[in-house]
Amino acid sequence: FGSLEEFSYQNISDIIDLNLTSQIYMARALIPHLKRKKQGDLIFIGSEAALKGSQKGTVYCATKFALRGFVQALREECARCGIRVSLINPGMVRTDFFEELNFAPGNGENNAINPDDIAETVALLLHLPKGTVVDEVNLSPLSKVIDFKVR
């Protein structure tokens, strides 16, 4: 996270590869198998950063917006083949993701989502009747508090 000019071209490429290209490649590898089975589920984990741009999030938000568009298009492409495509956009999740960053969710219980909340959402999507797909789920902590670290 940072202003655009703080990133090298290699940093930008690496973030795009991690947050977007890798997910496109994984879908590309799985789609032929799922089409042969005439059913399946692809559930992508995005971010609330796909819903609204934020200061110092230019590159990160761009990748998450792009993933959201990719998933929307892929859902249209795969529906006729019995493949359900969903996107989960979590807000701040209490993980090591923030360890190297200069901010983190507040310490309060309601300031971040637990990883189990995302796992339960995945299970919910997978257990829906085969003819039902949830296009997108946005998960947010009840109270959005951000703590900025002094470095």
Protein backbone atom coordinates (compact mmCIF):
# COMPACT_ATOMS: atom_id res chain seq x y z
CA PHE A 1 0.00 0.00 0.00
CA GLY A 2 1.25 3.44 -0.89
CA SER A 3 0.98 6.21 -3.43
CA LEU A 4 1.44 5.06 -7.02
CA GLU A 5 4.82 6.72 -7.42
CA GLU A 6 6.14 4.77 -4.41
CA PHE A 7 5.92 1.51 -6.38
CA SER A 8 8.56 0.31 -8.80
CA TYR A 9 7.38 -1.16 -12.07
CA GLN A 10 8.41 -4.58 -10.73
CA ASN A 11 6.33 -4.03 -7.55
CA ILE A 12 3.31 -3.19 -9.69
CA SER A 13 3.80 -6.29 -11.83
CA ASP A 14 4.22 -8.49 -8.74
CA ILE A 15 0.99 -7.21 -7.15
CA ILE A 16 -0.94 -7.75 -10.38
CA ASP A 17 0.49 -11.27 -10.69
CA LEU A 18 -0.42 -12.15 -7.10
CA ASN A 19 -3.89 -10.64 -6.92
CA LEU A 20 -5.14 -11.10 -10.48
CA THR A 21 -3.04 -13.11 -12.89
CA SER A 22 -2.64 -16.09 -10.54
CA GLN A 23 -6.42 -16.35 -10.09
CA ILE A 24 -7.01 -16.12 -13.84
CA TYR A 25 -4.42 -18.85 -14.44
CA MET A 26 -5.99 -21.09 -11.79
CA ALA A 27 -9.45 -20.66 -13.32
CA ARG A 28 -8.00 -21.37 -16.78
CA ALA A 29 -6.54 -24.63 -15.49
CA LEU A 30 -9.78 -25.75 -13.78
CA ILE A 31 -12.45 -24.70 -16.31
CA PRO A 32 -11.88 -27.53 -18.84
CA HIS A 33 -12.19 -30.16 -16.10
CA LEU A 34 -15.34 -28.58 -14.66
CA LYS A 35 -16.88 -28.28 -18.14
CA ARG A 36 -16.32 -32.00 -18.73
CA LYS A 37 -18.10 -32.72 -15.43
CA LYS A 38 -20.88 -30.27 -16.43
CA GLN A 39 -20.87 -28.85 -12.92
CA GLY A 40 -18.64 -27.26 -10.34
CA ASP A 41 -17.95 -24.21 -8.27
CA LEU A 42 -15.30 -21.53 -8.55
CA ILE A 43 -15.22 -19.24 -5.54
CA PHE A 44 -12.83 -16.32 -5.68
CA ILE A 45 -11.69 -14.32 -2.68
CA GLY A 46 -11.56 -10.65 -3.55
CA SER A 47 -11.61 -7.69 -1.22
CA GLU A 48 -13.79 -4.78 -0.20
CA ALA A 49 -11.13 -2.84 -2.14
CA ALA A 50 -13.00 -4.02 -5.26
CA LEU A 51 -15.97 -1.88 -4.25
CA LYS A 52 -14.37 1.49 -3.57
CA GLY A 53 -10.98 2.94 -4.34
CA SER A 54 -8.95 4.25 -1.44
CA GLN A 55 -6.00 6.52 -0.88
CA LYS A 56 -2.68 4.63 -0.98
CA GLY A 57 -4.51 1.66 -2.46
CA THR A 58 -4.20 2.47 -6.17
CA VAL A 59 -2.49 -0.71 -7.33
CA TYR A 60 -4.17 -3.02 -4.81
CA CYS A 61 -7.64 -1.63 -5.57
CA ALA A 62 -6.98 -1.86 -9.31
CA THR A 63 -6.24 -5.58 -9.03
CA LYS A 64 -9.32 -6.22 -6.92
CA PHE A 65 -11.58 -4.21 -9.26
CA ALA A 66 -10.13 -6.20 -12.17
CA LEU A 67 -10.73 -9.51 -10.38
CA ARG A 68 -14.34 -8.49 -9.77
CA GLY A 69 -14.85 -7.78 -13.49
CA PHE A 70 -13.14 -11.05 -14.41
CA VAL A 71 -15.44 -13.01 -12.09
CA GLN A 72 -18.55 -11.29 -13.45
CA ALA A 73 -17.57 -12.13 -17.02
CA LEU A 74 -16.53 -15.68 -16.14
CA ARG A 75 -19.87 -16.27 -14.40
CA GLU A 76 -21.66 -15.38 -17.66
CA GLU A 77 -19.28 -17.56 -19.64
CA CYS A 78 -19.66 -20.62 -17.40
CA ALA A 79 -23.35 -20.58 -16.45
CA ARG A 80 -24.44 -22.63 -19.49
CA CYS A 81 -21.95 -25.34 -18.46
CA GLY A 82 -23.32 -25.78 -14.93
CA ILE A 83 -20.37 -24.03 -13.31
CA ARG A 84 -21.20 -21.59 -10.54
CA VAL A 85 -18.83 -18.66 -10.12
CA SER A 86 -18.94 -16.53 -6.98
CA LEU A 87 -16.88 -13.78 -5.41
CA ILE A 88 -16.41 -13.09 -1.71
CA ASN A 89 -15.21 -9.57 -0.86
CA PRO A 90 -14.06 -9.50 2.74
CA GLY A 91 -13.21 -6.35 4.62
CA MET A 92 -10.33 -6.40 7.08
CA VAL A 93 -9.61 -9.94 8.25
CA ARG A 94 -7.66 -10.69 11.39
CA THR A 95 -4.63 -12.38 9.81
CA ASP A 96 -0.89 -11.87 9.35
CA PHE A 97 -1.68 -9.85 6.20
CA PHE A 98 -1.17 -6.66 8.20
CA GLU A 99 2.10 -7.72 9.83
CA GLU A 100 4.31 -5.82 7.36
CA LEU A 101 1.88 -2.95 6.76
CA ASN A 102 1.67 0.34 8.66
CA PHE A 103 -1.98 -0.24 9.57
CA ALA A 104 -4.15 -3.02 10.97
CA PRO A 105 -7.73 -3.50 12.12
CA GLY A 106 -8.49 -2.14 15.57
CA ASN A 107 -8.18 -4.52 18.51
CA GLY A 108 -11.91 -4.64 19.22
CA GLU A 109 -13.72 -7.90 18.49
CA ASN A 110 -15.98 -6.18 15.93
CA ASN A 111 -13.12 -4.40 14.09
CA ALA A 112 -12.17 -7.32 11.85
CA ILE A 113 -13.58 -10.45 10.30
CA ASN A 114 -12.28 -13.81 11.46
CA PRO A 115 -10.97 -16.22 8.79
CA ASP A 116 -13.62 -18.72 9.93
CA ASP A 117 -16.30 -16.26 8.78
CA ILE A 118 -14.96 -16.52 5.24
CA ALA A 119 -14.75 -20.32 5.47
CA GLU A 120 -18.38 -20.46 6.63
CA THR A 121 -19.41 -18.26 3.70
CA VAL A 122 -17.62 -20.60 1.27
CA ALA A 123 -19.44 -23.57 2.84
CA LEU A 124 -22.77 -21.74 2.51
CA LEU A 125 -22.16 -21.09 -1.19
CA LEU A 126 -21.19 -24.71 -1.82
CA HIS A 127 -24.28 -26.07 -0.08
CA LEU A 128 -26.82 -24.08 -2.07
CA PRO A 129 -28.98 -26.02 -4.54
CA LYS A 130 -27.09 -26.57 -7.81
CA GLY A 131 -29.39 -24.21 -9.71
CA THR A 132 -28.66 -21.30 -7.36
CA VAL A 133 -25.59 -19.09 -7.47
CA VAL A 134 -24.65 -16.16 -5.28
CA ASP A 135 -22.88 -13.71 -7.52
CA GLU A 136 -21.09 -11.78 -4.83
CA VAL A 137 -20.88 -11.56 -1.04
CA ASN A 138 -19.48 -8.54 0.76
CA LEU A 139 -18.37 -9.30 4.32
CA SER A 140 -17.56 -6.38 6.60
CA PRO A 141 -16.62 -6.04 10.23
CA LEU A 142 -19.40 -4.51 12.27
CA SER A 143 -17.22 -1.57 13.28
CA LYS A 144 -14.48 -0.41 10.93
CA VAL A 145 -11.63 0.82 13.09
CA ILE A 146 -8.11 1.09 11.71
CA ASP A 147 -5.03 1.38 13.89
CA PHE A 148 -2.03 3.07 12.30
CA LYS A 149 1.34 1.78 13.48
CA VAL A 150 4.16 4.13 14.36
CA ARG A 151 7.38 3.07 12.62
